[in-house]
Amino acid sequence: MLNISNKKRIVIKLGTSTLAHKTGRLNIRRMGNLVRVLSDLQNSGKEIIIVSSGAVGLGVGKLGLREKPTDTPTKQAAAAVGQCELMYLYDDLFDNYGITVAQVLLTKAIIGTEREKNVENAMEKLISMGVVPIVNENDTVAIDELELEIGENDSLSAVVARLAHADLLIILSDIDGLYDSDPHKNPDAHFIPVVTEIDSSIEKMAGGAGSKLGTGGMATKINAAKIANEAGIDMIIMNGNNPEKLYGLFENDETGTIFISH
């Protein structure tokens, strides 16, 4: 079994379903618990990087919209409003534990160009200063991703893990890990605790969209695992409903589905 306890630099992707209620409003208790646990892990010597979804979902709630918008300008507006609220809350909550955060907004256009090095340098400097970078897709201007609704933050988290030279990527979601079918629909779905190779059979297990507030699904998480594993980074999908389980994870408890890199 993979030894998680010795992993130091950790990218943690927080999905909309983890951060928000079904109404789109922030899940205050869960976010507070998450920040407390992540601050404690940072204090223990881990280097934490957060890739945070939730801007559009929180913007929908903040603007009083009844459902997630379908037109791009309203999505952009929701992203702009939600990102402001999201970073204010992260800054306020982490400050309670004496930890400074930084906002890092990326667009797909940066990935695969020489500008990647600028991102690497900025990440490395922030981490060396004890700062927790909080990364998100710049949904206000990255309209291609909004229009395509490809759940970019899952694969973005794997790209961030690669750029940050992380030891581990953790994706927190509303599901315990990978199943051979959708456990929300099939009570007899079989849980897959370890994946050593992402082949066609694994890819066939993934499919369908995520929550109504988010854009990701299992397919985008499998894609993230492929990106991470190819970069030599192990990845875990686990349920984010109880942040305390992160403690057990770093004590090598069997939690979630582990995708082992080669």
Protein backbone atom coordinates (compact mmCIF):
# COMPACT_ATOMS: atom_id res chain seq x y z
CA MET A 1 0.00 0.00 0.00
CA LEU A 2 1.15 3.51 -0.78
CA ASN A 3 2.76 5.36 2.15
CA ILE A 4 0.88 8.66 2.35
CA SER A 5 2.40 9.87 5.61
CA ASN A 6 5.70 10.86 3.99
CA LYS A 7 4.08 13.03 1.31
CA LYS A 8 4.99 16.66 1.96
CA ARG A 9 3.75 18.93 -0.84
CA ILE A 10 0.02 18.37 -1.24
CA VAL A 11 -2.40 19.83 -3.78
CA ILE A 12 -5.98 19.61 -2.55
CA LYS A 13 -8.83 20.21 -4.97
CA LEU A 14 -12.07 21.31 -3.32
CA GLY A 15 -15.19 20.78 -5.41
CA THR A 16 -18.32 22.88 -5.33
CA SER A 17 -20.23 20.02 -3.73
CA THR A 18 -17.75 20.09 -0.84
CA LEU A 19 -17.85 23.86 -0.31
CA ALA A 20 -21.52 24.66 -0.85
CA HIS A 21 -24.97 23.46 0.10
CA LYS A 22 -27.33 22.37 -2.67
CA THR A 23 -28.80 25.87 -2.51
CA GLY A 24 -25.49 27.27 -3.75
CA ARG A 25 -24.88 29.01 -0.45
CA LEU A 26 -21.63 28.33 1.36
CA ASN A 27 -21.50 25.35 3.71
CA ILE A 28 -20.00 27.41 6.54
CA ARG A 29 -19.43 24.58 8.99
CA ARG A 30 -17.69 22.33 6.48
CA MET A 31 -15.52 25.11 5.07
CA GLY A 32 -14.53 26.13 8.60
CA ASN A 33 -13.59 22.53 9.42
CA LEU A 34 -11.64 22.21 6.18
CA VAL A 35 -9.60 25.32 6.87
CA ARG A 36 -8.92 24.19 10.44
CA VAL A 37 -7.67 20.77 9.31
CA LEU A 38 -5.63 22.16 6.42
CA SER A 39 -4.06 24.76 8.74
CA ASP A 40 -3.13 22.00 11.17
CA LEU A 41 -1.57 19.96 8.37
CA GLN A 42 0.36 23.03 7.24
CA ASN A 43 1.57 23.54 10.79
CA SER A 44 2.71 19.90 10.91
CA GLY A 45 5.11 20.52 8.03
CA LYS A 46 2.94 19.80 4.99
CA GLU A 47 3.01 22.30 2.13
CA ILE A 48 -0.61 22.89 1.18
CA ILE A 49 -1.83 24.19 -2.18
CA ILE A 50 -5.58 24.52 -2.75
CA VAL A 51 -7.35 24.36 -6.10
CA SER A 52 -10.80 25.68 -5.30
CA SER A 53 -13.99 25.36 -7.27
CA GLY A 54 -17.12 27.10 -6.08
CA ALA A 55 -16.84 30.60 -7.54
CA VAL A 56 -19.72 30.23 -9.98
CA GLY A 57 -21.83 28.24 -7.51
CA LEU A 58 -21.31 30.76 -4.72
CA GLY A 59 -21.96 33.61 -7.14
CA VAL A 60 -25.27 32.01 -8.09
CA GLY A 61 -26.27 31.95 -4.42
CA LYS A 62 -24.96 35.44 -3.72
CA LEU A 63 -26.86 36.90 -6.67
CA GLY A 64 -30.04 35.11 -5.64
CA LEU A 65 -30.33 33.17 -8.88
CA ARG A 66 -32.65 30.19 -8.74
CA GLU A 67 -30.37 27.90 -10.71
CA LYS A 68 -27.02 27.81 -12.44
CA PRO A 69 -27.13 30.14 -15.49
CA THR A 70 -26.81 28.74 -18.99
CA ASP A 71 -25.63 31.87 -20.82
CA THR A 72 -21.97 32.81 -20.72
CA PRO A 73 -22.28 36.49 -19.59
CA THR A 74 -24.32 35.50 -16.51
CA LYS A 75 -21.83 32.73 -15.73
CA GLN A 76 -19.03 35.28 -15.97
CA ALA A 77 -20.90 37.61 -13.63
CA ALA A 78 -21.53 34.79 -11.16
CA ALA A 79 -17.85 33.79 -11.30
CA ALA A 80 -16.70 37.36 -10.62
CA VAL A 81 -19.03 37.80 -7.65
CA GLY A 82 -18.37 34.32 -6.27
CA GLN A 83 -14.57 34.53 -6.56
CA CYS A 84 -14.60 37.72 -4.51
CA GLU A 85 -16.63 36.09 -1.76
CA LEU A 86 -14.60 32.89 -1.89
CA MET A 87 -11.24 34.60 -1.40
CA TYR A 88 -12.58 36.86 1.35
CA LEU A 89 -13.72 33.80 3.27
CA TYR A 90 -10.48 31.88 2.74
CA ASP A 91 -8.45 34.89 3.88
CA ASP A 92 -10.62 35.42 6.96
CA LEU A 93 -10.70 31.74 7.99
CA PHE A 94 -7.00 31.01 7.49
CA ASP A 95 -6.08 34.23 9.30
CA ASN A 96 -7.59 32.73 12.46
CA TYR A 97 -4.68 30.27 12.43
CA GLY A 98 -2.00 32.77 11.45
CA ILE A 99 -1.74 31.52 7.87
CA THR A 100 -1.55 33.83 4.86
CA VAL A 101 -3.24 32.88 1.59
CA ALA A 102 -2.67 34.06 -1.97
CA GLN A 103 -5.03 34.07 -4.93
CA VAL A 104 -3.70 32.53 -8.15
CA LEU A 105 -6.01 32.68 -11.19
CA LEU A 106 -4.98 30.64 -14.22
CA THR A 107 -6.28 30.27 -17.75
CA LYS A 108 -5.87 27.35 -20.09
CA ALA A 109 -3.90 29.57 -22.48
CA ILE A 110 -0.95 29.60 -20.05
CA ILE A 111 -0.65 25.83 -19.90
CA GLY A 112 1.92 24.37 -22.27
CA THR A 113 3.66 27.69 -22.97
CA GLU A 114 6.84 29.28 -21.68
CA ARG A 115 4.67 31.23 -19.22
CA GLU A 116 4.29 28.03 -17.20
CA LYS A 117 7.70 28.84 -15.69
CA ASN A 118 6.30 32.08 -14.28
CA VAL A 119 3.61 30.07 -12.50
CA GLU A 120 6.20 27.61 -11.16
CA ASN A 121 8.38 30.44 -9.83
CA ALA A 122 5.44 32.21 -8.17
CA MET A 123 4.22 28.97 -6.55
CA GLU A 124 7.67 28.09 -5.27
CA LYS A 125 8.18 31.54 -3.73
CA LEU A 126 4.76 31.57 -2.06
CA ILE A 127 5.29 28.09 -0.61
CA SER A 128 8.77 28.99 0.65
CA MET A 129 7.20 31.93 2.51
CA GLY A 130 4.66 29.68 4.23
CA VAL A 131 1.76 31.00 2.15
CA VAL A 132 -1.10 28.76 1.01
CA PRO A 133 -1.76 29.41 -2.70
CA ILE A 134 -5.45 29.17 -3.64
CA VAL A 135 -5.79 28.46 -7.34
CA ASN A 136 -8.85 28.69 -9.56
CA GLU A 137 -9.64 28.85 -13.24
CA ASN A 138 -10.17 32.49 -14.20
CA ASP A 139 -13.80 31.85 -15.15
CA THR A 140 -14.59 35.53 -15.62
CA VAL A 141 -12.41 35.69 -18.74
CA ALA A 142 -11.86 32.02 -19.64
CA ILE A 143 -15.14 31.76 -21.50
CA ASP A 144 -14.09 28.73 -23.56
CA GLU A 145 -14.11 26.61 -20.42
CA LEU A 146 -17.44 28.07 -19.27
CA GLU A 147 -19.09 27.40 -22.59
CA LEU A 148 -17.72 23.87 -22.88
CA GLU A 149 -18.41 23.03 -19.22
CA ILE A 150 -15.60 20.49 -19.11
CA GLY A 151 -15.01 20.66 -15.37
CA GLU A 152 -11.59 22.15 -15.92
CA ASN A 153 -10.73 22.49 -12.24
CA ASP A 154 -10.27 18.72 -11.89
CA SER A 155 -7.66 18.55 -14.63
CA LEU A 156 -6.43 22.01 -13.63
CA SER A 157 -5.61 20.64 -10.18
CA ALA A 158 -3.44 17.95 -11.80
CA VAL A 159 -1.67 20.58 -13.90
CA VAL A 160 -1.10 22.67 -10.77
CA ALA A 161 0.30 19.59 -9.02
CA ARG A 162 2.73 19.13 -11.90
CA LEU A 163 3.76 22.80 -11.94
CA ALA A 164 4.21 22.82 -8.16
CA HIS A 165 6.20 19.55 -8.20
CA ALA A 166 3.72 18.13 -5.69
CA ASP A 167 4.02 14.74 -4.01
CA LEU A 168 0.29 14.08 -3.91
CA LEU A 169 -2.98 15.34 -5.38
CA ILE A 170 -6.17 14.93 -3.36
CA ILE A 171 -9.55 15.58 -4.97
CA LEU A 172 -12.33 16.07 -2.43
CA SER A 173 -15.78 15.42 -3.84
CA ASP A 174 -19.26 14.21 -2.85
CA ILE A 175 -18.34 10.58 -3.49
CA ASP A 176 -16.08 8.18 -1.58
CA GLY A 177 -14.00 7.33 -4.63
CA LEU A 178 -14.25 5.34 -7.84
CA TYR A 179 -17.03 2.77 -8.24
CA ASP A 180 -17.76 0.41 -11.12
CA SER A 181 -21.11 2.22 -11.50
CA ASP A 182 -22.79 5.30 -10.08
CA PRO A 183 -23.40 4.61 -6.34
CA HIS A 184 -26.03 7.36 -6.26
CA LYS A 185 -28.12 5.25 -8.62
CA ASN A 186 -26.91 1.71 -7.94
CA PRO A 187 -26.73 0.61 -4.25
CA ASP A 188 -24.77 -2.49 -5.34
CA ALA A 189 -21.99 -0.48 -6.98
CA HIS A 190 -18.55 -1.94 -6.24
CA PHE A 191 -15.90 0.35 -4.71
CA ILE A 192 -12.43 0.42 -6.31
CA PRO A 193 -9.83 1.25 -3.60
CA VAL A 194 -6.65 1.15 -5.73
CA VAL A 195 -5.97 1.86 -9.40
CA THR A 196 -2.51 0.96 -10.69
CA GLU A 197 -3.28 1.55 -14.36
CA ILE A 198 -5.90 3.74 -16.03
CA ASP A 199 -7.04 1.55 -18.90
CA SER A 200 -10.22 1.46 -20.97
CA SER A 201 -12.10 -0.48 -18.27
CA ILE A 202 -11.38 2.25 -15.70
CA GLU A 203 -12.38 4.97 -18.15
CA LYS A 204 -15.68 3.20 -18.85
CA MET A 205 -16.53 3.34 -15.14
CA ALA A 206 -16.46 7.15 -15.28
CA GLY A 207 -19.25 9.21 -16.76
CA GLY A 208 -22.05 11.63 -16.06
CA ALA A 209 -22.00 15.13 -14.67
CA GLY A 210 -21.43 16.15 -11.11
CA SER A 211 -23.73 18.26 -8.94
CA LYS A 212 -25.99 20.92 -10.41
CA LEU A 213 -23.72 23.63 -9.00
CA GLY A 214 -20.44 22.13 -10.23
CA THR A 215 -19.28 21.14 -13.70
CA GLY A 216 -17.10 18.14 -12.94
CA GLY A 217 -17.87 14.45 -12.84
CA MET A 218 -15.90 11.23 -12.46
CA ALA A 219 -14.68 11.45 -16.07
CA THR A 220 -12.81 14.69 -15.37
CA LYS A 221 -11.32 13.16 -12.22
CA ILE A 222 -10.03 10.19 -14.20
CA ASN A 223 -8.49 12.65 -16.64
CA ALA A 224 -6.86 14.45 -13.70
CA ALA A 225 -5.46 11.14 -12.47
CA LYS A 226 -3.94 10.49 -15.89
CA ILE A 227 -2.25 13.90 -15.93
CA ALA A 228 -0.97 13.51 -12.37
CA ASN A 229 0.21 9.93 -12.77
CA GLU A 230 2.05 10.74 -16.00
CA ALA A 231 3.91 13.43 -14.03
CA GLY A 232 4.84 10.87 -11.35
CA ILE A 233 2.28 12.17 -8.85
CA ASP A 234 -0.08 9.89 -6.95
CA MET A 235 -3.72 10.97 -6.70
CA ILE A 236 -6.57 10.23 -4.31
CA ILE A 237 -10.31 10.80 -4.75
CA MET A 238 -12.12 10.92 -1.41
CA ASN A 239 -15.30 12.27 0.11
CA GLY A 240 -15.00 15.81 1.40
CA ASN A 241 -18.00 15.70 3.72
CA ASN A 242 -15.79 15.03 6.77
CA PRO A 243 -12.50 16.97 6.63
CA GLU A 244 -11.26 15.08 9.72
CA LYS A 245 -10.67 12.07 7.46
CA LEU A 246 -7.64 13.89 6.07
CA TYR A 247 -5.89 13.21 9.38
CA GLY A 248 -6.50 9.49 8.96
CA LEU A 249 -5.28 9.63 5.38
CA PHE A 250 -1.89 10.93 6.48
CA GLU A 251 -1.77 8.21 9.12
CA ASN A 252 -2.10 5.72 6.24
CA ASP A 253 -5.73 4.83 6.86
CA GLU A 254 -7.38 3.39 3.76
CA THR A 255 -9.51 6.27 2.54
CA GLY A 256 -10.81 6.92 -0.95
CA THR A 257 -9.47 5.60 -4.23
CA ILE A 258 -5.73 5.83 -4.80
CA PHE A 259 -4.35 6.19 -8.31
CA ILE A 260 -0.72 5.10 -8.11
CA SER A 261 1.76 6.68 -10.50
CA HIS A 262 4.52 4.73 -12.22
